[in-house]
PDB file of N, CA and C in Angstrom:
ATOM      1  N   UNK A   1      23.003-106.728  -3.574  1.00  0.00           N
ATOM      2  CA  UNK A   1      24.935-107.406  -3.569  1.00  0.00           C
ATOM      3  C   UNK A   1      24.085-108.673  -2.550  1.00  0.00           C
ATOM      4  N   UNK A   2      22.356-108.877  -2.003  1.00  0.00           N
ATOM      5  CA  UNK A   2      22.823-110.646  -0.966  1.00  0.00           C
ATOM      6  C   UNK A   2      22.702-112.103  -2.567  1.00  0.00           C
ATOM      7  N   UNK A   3      22.405-110.656  -3.467  1.00  0.00           N
ATOM      8  CA  UNK A   3      21.453-111.403  -4.562  1.00  0.00           C
ATOM      9  C   UNK A   3      22.741-112.313  -5.931  1.00  0.00           C
ATOM     10  N   UNK A   4      23.134-111.006  -5.456  1.00  0.00           N
ATOM     11  CA  UNK A   4      24.616-111.135  -7.009  1.00  0.00           C
ATOM     12  C   UNK A   4      25.995-111.832  -5.974  1.00  0.00           C
ATOM     13  N   UNK A   5      26.400-112.356  -4.884  1.00  0.00           N
ATOM     14  CA  UNK A   5      27.007-112.846  -4.369  1.00  0.00           C
ATOM     15  C   UNK A   5      26.541-114.415  -4.154  1.00  0.00           C
ATOM     16  N   UNK A   6      25.193-114.410  -4.034  1.00  0.00           N
ATOM     17  CA  UNK A   6      25.229-115.900  -3.366  1.00  0.00           C
ATOM     18  C   UNK A   6      24.691-116.548  -4.824  1.00  0.00           C
ATOM     19  N   UNK A   7      24.311-115.457  -5.716  1.00  0.00           N
ATOM     20  CA  UNK A   7      24.343-116.871  -7.730  1.00  0.00           C
ATOM     21  C   UNK A   7      25.972-116.931  -7.883  1.00  0.00           C
ATOM     22  N   UNK A   8      26.562-116.239  -7.054  1.00  0.00           N
ATOM     23  CA  UNK A   8      27.977-116.467  -8.354  1.00  0.00           C
ATOM     24  C   UNK A   8      28.521-118.250  -7.523  1.00  0.00           C
ATOM     25  N   UNK A   9      27.677-117.805  -6.532  1.00  0.00           N
ATOM     26  CA  UNK A   9      28.812-118.727  -5.008  1.00  0.00           C
ATOM     27  C   UNK A   9      28.146-120.301  -5.827  1.00  0.00           C
ATOM     28  N   UNK A  10      25.859-120.198  -5.908  1.00  0.00           N
ATOM     29  CA  UNK A  10      26.037-121.190  -6.629  1.00  0.00           C
ATOM     30  C   UNK A  10      26.406-122.051  -7.657  1.00  0.00           C
ATOM     31  N   UNK A  11      26.297-120.783  -9.559  1.00  0.00           N
ATOM     32  CA  UNK A  11      26.375-121.003  -9.915  1.00  0.00           C
ATOM     33  C   UNK A  11      28.317-121.633  -9.834  1.00  0.00           C
ATOM     34  N   UNK A  12      28.903-120.657  -8.956  1.00  0.00           N
ATOM     35  CA  UNK A  12      30.101-121.335  -9.513  1.00  0.00           C
ATOM     36  C   UNK A  12      30.022-123.015  -8.171  1.00  0.00           C
ATOM     37  N   UNK A  13      29.874-123.835  -7.549  1.00  0.00           N
ATOM     38  CA  UNK A  13      29.684-125.249  -6.807  1.00  0.00           C
ATOM     39  C   UNK A  13      28.190-125.512  -7.885  1.00  0.00           C
ATOM     40  N   UNK A  14      27.466-125.119  -9.470  1.00  0.00           N
ATOM     41  CA  UNK A  14      26.795-125.479  -9.786  1.00  0.00           C
ATOM     42  C   UNK A  14      28.268-126.936 -10.813  1.00  0.00           C
ATOM     43  N   UNK A  15      29.320-125.424 -11.119  1.00  0.00           N
ATOM     44  CA  UNK A  15      29.797-125.538 -12.139  1.00  0.00           C
ATOM     45  C   UNK A  15      31.202-127.145 -11.904  1.00  0.00           C
ATOM     46  N   UNK A  16      30.827-127.178 -10.495  1.00  0.00           N
ATOM     47  CA  UNK A  16      32.174-128.311  -9.651  1.00  0.00           C
ATOM     48  C   UNK A  16      31.500-129.115 -10.142  1.00  0.00           C
ATOM     49  N   UNK A  17      30.557-128.948 -10.202  1.00  0.00           N
ATOM     50  CA  UNK A  17      28.989-130.452 -10.918  1.00  0.00           C
ATOM     51  C   UNK A  17      29.905-131.544 -11.458  1.00  0.00           C
ATOM     52  N   UNK A  18      30.212-130.507 -12.283  1.00  0.00           N
ATOM     53  CA  UNK A  18      30.548-131.094 -14.004  1.00  0.00           C
ATOM     54  C   UNK A  18      31.887-131.088 -13.920  1.00  0.00           C
ATOM     55  N   UNK A  19      32.729-130.450 -12.743  1.00  0.00           N
ATOM     56  CA  UNK A  19      33.875-131.341 -12.811  1.00  0.00           C
ATOM     57  C   UNK A  19      35.047-129.899 -14.752  1.00  0.00           C
ATOM     58  N   UNK A  20      35.236-130.660 -15.024  1.00  0.00           N
ATOM     59  CA  UNK A  20      36.719-130.359 -16.002  1.00  0.00           C
ATOM     60  C   UNK A  20      35.489-130.359 -16.541  1.00  0.00           C
ATOM     61  N   UNK A  21      34.195-130.470 -17.061  1.00  0.00           N
ATOM     62  CA  UNK A  21      33.268-129.793 -18.590  1.00  0.00           C
ATOM     63  C   UNK A  21      32.876-129.137 -17.648  1.00  0.00           C
ATOM     64  N   UNK A  22      32.456-127.806 -16.526  1.00  0.00           N
ATOM     65  CA  UNK A  22      31.653-127.591 -16.762  1.00  0.00           C
ATOM     66  C   UNK A  22      32.449-126.426 -17.503  1.00  0.00           C
ATOM     67  N   UNK A  23      33.275-126.486 -17.631  1.00  0.00           N
ATOM     68  CA  UNK A  23      34.507-125.424 -18.434  1.00  0.00           C
ATOM     69  C   UNK A  23      33.497-124.824 -20.160  1.00  0.00           C
ATOM     70  N   UNK A  24      33.431-125.949 -20.129  1.00  0.00           N
ATOM     71  CA  UNK A  24      33.302-126.324 -21.703  1.00  0.00           C
ATOM     72  C   UNK A  24      31.727-125.613 -22.135  1.00  0.00           C
ATOM     73  N   UNK A  25      32.093-125.085 -23.210  1.00  0.00           N
ATOM     74  CA  UNK A  25      30.627-124.068 -23.425  1.00  0.00           C
ATOM     75  C   UNK A  25      29.433-125.291 -23.965  1.00  0.00           C
ATOM     76  N   UNK A  26      29.904-126.558 -24.109  1.00  0.00           N
ATOM     77  CA  UNK A  26      29.077-127.143 -24.922  1.00  0.00           C
ATOM     78  C   UNK A  26      27.607-127.072 -23.168  1.00  0.00           C
ATOM     79  N   UNK A  27      28.143-127.556 -22.373  1.00  0.00           N
ATOM     80  CA  UNK A  27      27.398-128.012 -21.125  1.00  0.00           C
ATOM     81  C   UNK A  27      26.037-126.128 -20.873  1.00  0.00           C
ATOM     82  N   UNK A  28      27.238-125.309 -20.680  1.00  0.00           N
ATOM     83  CA  UNK A  28      26.354-123.628 -20.903  1.00  0.00           C
ATOM     84  C   UNK A  28      26.548-123.773 -19.820  1.00  0.00           C
ATOM     85  N   UNK A  29      27.093-123.788 -18.679  1.00  0.00           N
ATOM     86  CA  UNK A  29      27.287-123.389 -17.560  1.00  0.00           C
ATOM     87  C   UNK A  29      27.598-122.536 -17.486  1.00  0.00           C
ATOM     88  N   UNK A  30      29.852-122.630 -17.968  1.00  0.00           N
ATOM     89  CA  UNK A  30      30.622-120.986 -18.431  1.00  0.00           C
ATOM     90  C   UNK A  30      29.758-120.107 -17.764  1.00  0.00           C
ATOM     91  N   UNK A  31      29.104-120.134 -19.236  1.00  0.00           N
ATOM     92  CA  UNK A  31      28.368-119.194 -19.460  1.00  0.00           C
ATOM     93  C   UNK A  31      27.166-118.704 -17.723  1.00  0.00           C
ATOM     94  N   UNK A  32      26.907-119.061 -16.993  1.00  0.00           N
ATOM     95  CA  UNK A  32      26.080-118.575 -16.515  1.00  0.00           C
ATOM     96  C   UNK A  32      26.770-117.984 -15.146  1.00  0.00           C
ATOM     97  N   UNK A  33      28.522-118.769 -14.743  1.00  0.00           N
ATOM     98  CA  UNK A  33      29.048-118.202 -13.796  1.00  0.00           C
ATOM     99  C   UNK A  33      29.270-117.329 -15.179  1.00  0.00           C
ATOM    100  N   UNK A  34      29.803-116.684 -15.773  1.00  0.00           N
ATOM    101  CA  UNK A  34      30.309-115.522 -15.731  1.00  0.00           C
ATOM    102  C   UNK A  34      29.426-114.560 -16.493  1.00  0.00           C
ATOM    103  N   UNK A  35      28.189-114.709 -16.054  1.00  0.00           N
ATOM    104  CA  UNK A  35      26.715-114.266 -16.125  1.00  0.00           C
ATOM    105  C   UNK A  35      26.530-113.867 -14.433  1.00  0.00           C
ATOM    106  N   UNK A  36      26.830-114.849 -13.672  1.00  0.00           N
ATOM    107  CA  UNK A  36      26.912-114.327 -12.952  1.00  0.00           C
ATOM    108  C   UNK A  36      28.099-113.597 -12.012  1.00  0.00           C
ATOM    109  N   UNK A  37      29.150-113.456 -12.228  1.00  0.00           N
ATOM    110  CA  UNK A  37      30.198-112.481 -11.840  1.00  0.00           C
ATOM    111  C   UNK A  37      29.966-111.586 -12.616  1.00  0.00           C
ATOM    112  N   UNK A  38      29.100-110.986 -14.041  1.00  0.00           N
ATOM    113  CA  UNK A  38      29.614-110.168 -14.207  1.00  0.00           C
ATOM    114  C   UNK A  38      28.321-109.238 -13.718  1.00  0.00           C
ATOM    115  N   UNK A  39      27.186-109.806 -12.868  1.00  0.00           N
ATOM    116  CA  UNK A  39      25.713-109.130 -12.551  1.00  0.00           C
ATOM    117  C   UNK A  39      26.213-108.427 -10.686  1.00  0.00           C
ATOM    118  N   UNK A  40      28.063-109.142 -10.675  1.00  0.00           N
ATOM    119  CA  UNK A  40      27.759-108.478  -9.615  1.00  0.00           C
ATOM    120  C   UNK A  40      29.356-107.088  -9.788  1.00  0.00           C
ATOM    121  N   UNK A  41      29.215-106.376 -10.867  1.00  0.00           N
ATOM    122  CA  UNK A  41      30.013-105.453 -11.545  1.00  0.00           C
ATOM    123  C   UNK A  41      29.234-105.113 -12.311  1.00  0.00           C
ATOM    124  N   UNK A  42      28.674-104.847 -12.709  1.00  0.00           N
ATOM    125  CA  UNK A  42      27.531-103.881 -13.011  1.00  0.00           C
ATOM    126  C   UNK A  42      27.011-102.847 -11.831  1.00  0.00           C
ATOM    127  N   UNK A  43      26.297-101.492 -12.843  1.00  0.00           N
ATOM    128  CA  UNK A  43      26.284-100.696 -11.869  1.00  0.00           C
ATOM    129  C   UNK A  43      27.236 -99.952 -10.675  1.00  0.00           C
ATOM    130  N   UNK A  44      28.540-100.462 -10.740  1.00  0.00           N
ATOM    131  CA  UNK A  44      29.793-100.574  -9.730  1.00  0.00           C
ATOM    132  C   UNK A  44      29.794-101.644  -8.524  1.00  0.00           C
ATOM    133  N   UNK A  45      30.797-102.662  -8.375  1.00  0.00           N
ATOM    134  CA  UNK A  45      30.158-102.961  -7.317  1.00  0.00           C
ATOM    135  C   UNK A  45      30.039-103.794  -6.608  1.00  0.00           C
ATOM    136  N   UNK A  46      29.776-104.294  -5.712  1.00  0.00           N
ATOM    137  CA  UNK A  46      28.943-104.596  -4.450  1.00  0.00           C
ATOM    138  C   UNK A  46      29.515-104.269  -3.737  1.00  0.00           C
ATOM    139  N   UNK A  47      30.790-103.741  -3.288  1.00  0.00           N
ATOM    140  CA  UNK A  47      30.873-103.113  -2.365  1.00  0.00           C
ATOM    141  C   UNK A  47      31.242-101.687  -2.674  1.00  0.00           C
ATOM    142  N   UNK A  48      31.359-100.978  -3.540  1.00  0.00           N
ATOM    143  CA  UNK A  48      31.072 -99.919  -3.998  1.00  0.00           C
ATOM    144  C   UNK A  48      29.790 -99.109  -3.376  1.00  0.00           C
ATOM    145  N   UNK A  49      28.213 -99.991  -4.519  1.00  0.00           N
ATOM    146  CA  UNK A  49      27.681 -99.805  -3.593  1.00  0.00           C
ATOM    147  C   UNK A  49      26.830 -99.989  -2.011  1.00  0.00           C
ATOM    148  N   UNK A  50      27.566-100.446  -1.989  1.00  0.00           N
ATOM    149  CA  UNK A  50      27.528-100.638  -0.119  1.00  0.00           C
ATOM    150  C   UNK A  50      28.614-100.166   0.237  1.00  0.00           C
ATOM    151  N   UNK A  51      29.092 -99.619   0.098  1.00  0.00           N
ATOM    152  CA  UNK A  51      29.889 -97.575   0.242  1.00  0.00           C
ATOM    153  C   UNK A  51      28.672 -96.956   0.763  1.00  0.00           C
ATOM    154  N   UNK A  52      28.382 -96.838  -1.129  1.00  0.00           N
ATOM    155  CA  UNK A  52      27.640 -95.455  -0.958  1.00  0.00           C
ATOM    156  C   UNK A  52      26.056 -95.724  -0.534  1.00  0.00           C
ATOM    157  N   UNK A  53      25.359 -96.133   0.096  1.00  0.00           N
ATOM    158  CA  UNK A  53      24.505 -97.180   0.836  1.00  0.00           C
ATOM    159  C   UNK A  53      24.809 -96.501   2.277  1.00  0.00           C
ATOM    160  N   UNK A  54      25.734 -96.501   2.913  1.00  0.00           N
ATOM    161  CA  UNK A  54      26.061 -95.743   4.007  1.00  0.00           C
ATOM    162  C   UNK A  54      26.822 -94.668   4.044  1.00  0.00           C
ATOM    163  N   UNK A  55      27.331 -93.855   3.111  1.00  0.00           N
ATOM    164  CA  UNK A  55      28.441 -93.051   3.101  1.00  0.00           C
ATOM    165  C   UNK A  55      26.727 -92.054   2.739  1.00  0.00           C
ATOM    166  N   UNK A  56      26.062 -92.186   1.974  1.00  0.00           N
ATOM    167  CA  UNK A  56      25.566 -90.892   0.884  1.00  0.00           C
ATOM    168  C   UNK A  56      24.186 -91.643   1.699  1.00  0.00           C
ATOM    169  N   UNK A  57      23.510 -92.855   2.175  1.00  0.00           N
ATOM    170  CA  UNK A  57      22.315 -92.544   1.865  1.00  0.00           C
ATOM    171  C   UNK A  57      21.749 -92.943   3.800  1.00  0.00           C
ATOM    172  N   UNK A  58      22.514 -94.111   4.165  1.00  0.00           N
ATOM    173  CA  UNK A  58      22.054 -94.163   5.724  1.00  0.00           C
ATOM    174  C   UNK A  58      22.351 -92.404   6.813  1.00  0.00           C
ATOM    175  N   UNK A  59      24.650 -92.660   5.867  1.00  0.00           N
ATOM    176  CA  UNK A  59      24.496 -91.306   7.080  1.00  0.00           C
ATOM    177  C   UNK A  59      24.193 -89.488   6.318  1.00  0.00           C
ATOM    178  N   UNK A  60      23.070 -90.190   5.689  1.00  0.00           N
ATOM    179  CA  UNK A  60      23.300 -88.113   5.264  1.00  0.00           C
ATOM    180  C   UNK A  60      22.353 -86.686   5.664  1.00  0.00           C
ATOM    181  N   UNK A  61      21.746 -87.768   6.446  1.00  0.00           N
ATOM    182  CA  UNK A  61      20.582 -86.786   7.827  1.00  0.00           C
ATOM    183  C   UNK A  61      21.858 -87.284   8.618  1.00  0.00           C
ATOM    184  N   UNK A  62      22.980 -87.310   8.965  1.00  0.00           N
ATOM    185  CA  UNK A  62      24.253 -87.710   9.619  1.00  0.00           C
ATOM    186  C   UNK A  62      23.537 -88.790  10.836  1.00  0.00           C
ATOM    187  N   UNK A  63      22.456 -89.544  10.553  1.00  0.00           N
ATOM    188  CA  UNK A  63      22.250 -91.073  10.958  1.00  0.00           C
ATOM    189  C   UNK A  63      21.097 -90.759  11.982  1.00  0.00           C
ATOM    190  N   UNK A  64      20.286 -89.396  11.249  1.00  0.00           N
ATOM    191  CA  UNK A  64      19.150 -90.078  12.170  1.00  0.00           C
ATOM    192  C   UNK A  64      18.021 -91.483  11.937  1.00  0.00           C
ATOM    193  N   UNK A  65      18.166 -91.037  10.669  1.00  0.00           N
ATOM    194  CA  UNK A  65      17.435 -92.153   9.839  1.00  0.00           C
ATOM    195  C   UNK A  65      17.896 -93.993  10.508  1.00  0.00           C
ATOM    196  N   UNK A  66      18.629 -93.977  10.797  1.00  0.00           N
ATOM    197  CA  UNK A  66      20.128 -95.254  11.440  1.00  0.00           C
ATOM    198  C   UNK A  66      19.786 -95.380  12.744  1.00  0.00           C
ATOM    199  N   UNK A  67      19.402 -93.960  13.613  1.00  0.00           N
ATOM    200  CA  UNK A  67      19.433 -93.986  15.466  1.00  0.00           C
ATOM    201  C   UNK A  67      17.843 -94.131  15.810  1.00  0.00           C
ATOM    202  N   UNK A  68      16.814 -94.037  14.754  1.00  0.00           N
ATOM    203  CA  UNK A  68      15.535 -94.164  14.949  1.00  0.00           C
ATOM    204  C   UNK A  68      15.439 -96.264  14.872  1.00  0.00           C
ATOM    205  N   UNK A  69      16.075 -96.682  13.678  1.00  0.00           N
ATOM    206  CA  UNK A  69      15.742 -97.785  13.532  1.00  0.00           C
ATOM    207  C   UNK A  69      16.354 -98.655  14.822  1.00  0.00           C
ATOM    208  N   UNK A  70      17.849 -98.651  15.171  1.00  0.00           N
ATOM    209  CA  UNK A  70      18.700 -98.474  16.523  1.00  0.00           C
ATOM    210  C   UNK A  70      17.458 -98.308  17.394  1.00  0.00           C
ATOM    211  N   UNK A  71      17.250 -96.811  17.959  1.00  0.00           N
ATOM    212  CA  UNK A  71      15.196 -97.364  18.987  1.00  0.00           C
ATOM    213  C   UNK A  71      15.492 -98.452  18.732  1.00  0.00           C
ATOM    214  N   UNK A  72      14.439 -98.822  17.468  1.00  0.00           N
ATOM    215  CA  UNK A  72      13.531 -99.787  17.498  1.00  0.00           C
ATOM    216  C   UNK A  72      13.393-101.295  17.476  1.00  0.00           C
ATOM    217  N   UNK A  73      14.237-101.506  17.792  1.00  0.00           N
ATOM    218  CA  UNK A  73      15.631-102.361  17.667  1.00  0.00           C
ATOM    219  C   UNK A  73      15.628-102.886  19.073  1.00  0.00           C
ATOM    220  N   UNK A  74      16.424-101.763  19.626  1.00  0.00           N
ATOM    221  CA  UNK A  74      16.337-101.576  20.717  1.00  0.00           C
ATOM    222  C   UNK A  74      15.256-101.996  21.473  1.00  0.00           C
ATOM    223  N   UNK A  75      14.077-101.803  21.313  1.00  0.00           N
ATOM    224  CA  UNK A  75      12.649-102.019  22.500  1.00  0.00           C
ATOM    225  C   UNK A  75      12.514-102.919  21.996  1.00  0.00           C
ATOM    226  N   UNK A  76      13.099-103.866  20.240  1.00  0.00           N
ATOM    227  CA  UNK A  76      12.290-104.883  20.622  1.00  0.00           C
ATOM    228  C   UNK A  76      12.647-106.036  21.079  1.00  0.00           C
ATOM    229  N   UNK A  77      14.265-105.440  21.897  1.00  0.00           N
ATOM    230  CA  UNK A  77      15.054-106.906  22.385  1.00  0.00           C
ATOM    231  C   UNK A  77      15.133-106.721  23.349  1.00  0.00           C
ATOM    232  N   UNK A  78      14.089-105.832  24.559  1.00  0.00           N
ATOM    233  CA  UNK A  78      14.587-105.083  25.518  1.00  0.00           C
ATOM    234  C   UNK A  78      12.816-106.243  26.123  1.00  0.00           C
ATOM    235  N   UNK A  79      11.915-105.992  25.430  1.00  0.00           N
ATOM    236  CA  UNK A  79      10.427-106.639  25.198  1.00  0.00           C
ATOM    237  C   UNK A  79      10.303-107.640  25.218  1.00  0.00           C
ATOM    238  N   UNK A  80      11.769-108.136  23.933  1.00  0.00           N
ATOM    239  CA  UNK A  80      11.366-109.275  23.664  1.00  0.00           C
ATOM    240  C   UNK A  80      12.985-110.876  24.244  1.00  0.00           C
ATOM    241  N   UNK A  81      13.254-109.991  24.269  1.00  0.00           N
ATOM    242  CA  UNK A  81      14.883-110.829  25.294  1.00  0.00           C
ATOM    243  C   UNK A  81      14.717-111.711  25.777  1.00  0.00           C
ATOM    244  N   UNK A  82      13.469-112.364  26.847  1.00  0.00           N
ATOM    245  CA  UNK A  82      13.615-112.917  27.600  1.00  0.00           C
ATOM    246  C   UNK A  82      12.959-114.428  27.283  1.00  0.00           C
ATOM    247  N   UNK A  83      12.324-113.689  25.789  1.00  0.00           N
ATOM    248  CA  UNK A  83      11.106-115.543  25.225  1.00  0.00           C
ATOM    249  C   UNK A  83      11.890-115.545  24.400  1.00  0.00           C
ATOM    250  N   UNK A  84      11.520-117.382  25.196  1.00  0.00           N
ATOM    251  CA  UNK A  84      11.768-118.484  24.680  1.00  0.00           C
ATOM    252  C   UNK A  84      12.081-119.286  23.637  1.00  0.00           C
ATOM    253  N   UNK A  85      10.690-118.732  22.811  1.00  0.00           N
ATOM    254  CA  UNK A  85      10.539-119.171  21.148  1.00  0.00           C
ATOM    255  C   UNK A  85      11.743-118.020  20.225  1.00  0.00           C
ATOM    256  N   UNK A  86      11.853-116.921  20.990  1.00  0.00           N
ATOM    257  CA  UNK A  86      13.216-116.030  19.930  1.00  0.00           C
ATOM    258  C   UNK A  86      14.761-116.463  20.338  1.00  0.00           C
ATOM    259  N   UNK A  87      14.813-117.183  21.803  1.00  0.00           N
ATOM    260  CA  UNK A  87      16.438-117.724  22.043  1.00  0.00           C
ATOM    261  C   UNK A  87      17.775-118.125  20.818  1.00  0.00           C
ATOM    262  N   UNK A  88      16.889-119.006  20.134  1.00  0.00           N
ATOM    263  CA  UNK A  88      17.862-118.996  18.884  1.00  0.00           C
ATOM    264  C   UNK A  88      17.931-117.995  18.043  1.00  0.00           C
TER     265      UNK A  88
END
């Protein structure tokens, strides 16, 4: 989803560079924009895919794996929370 969402944003911005000519098939930019948009819909929309990931795969085991990951994040924060190099 990250890649397809950003491809849509990038191609839409690129089409704006062409102004009104971005919509003309002669330049080909409109095809890239259409392709980027359809990539967000293949195999279900990005939103549906993210809900499936969370609902069926992450929480499949009542969140055991998610809790383990959270514990690792918490341990990292406790260990490195005062490190100036990581403050940003």
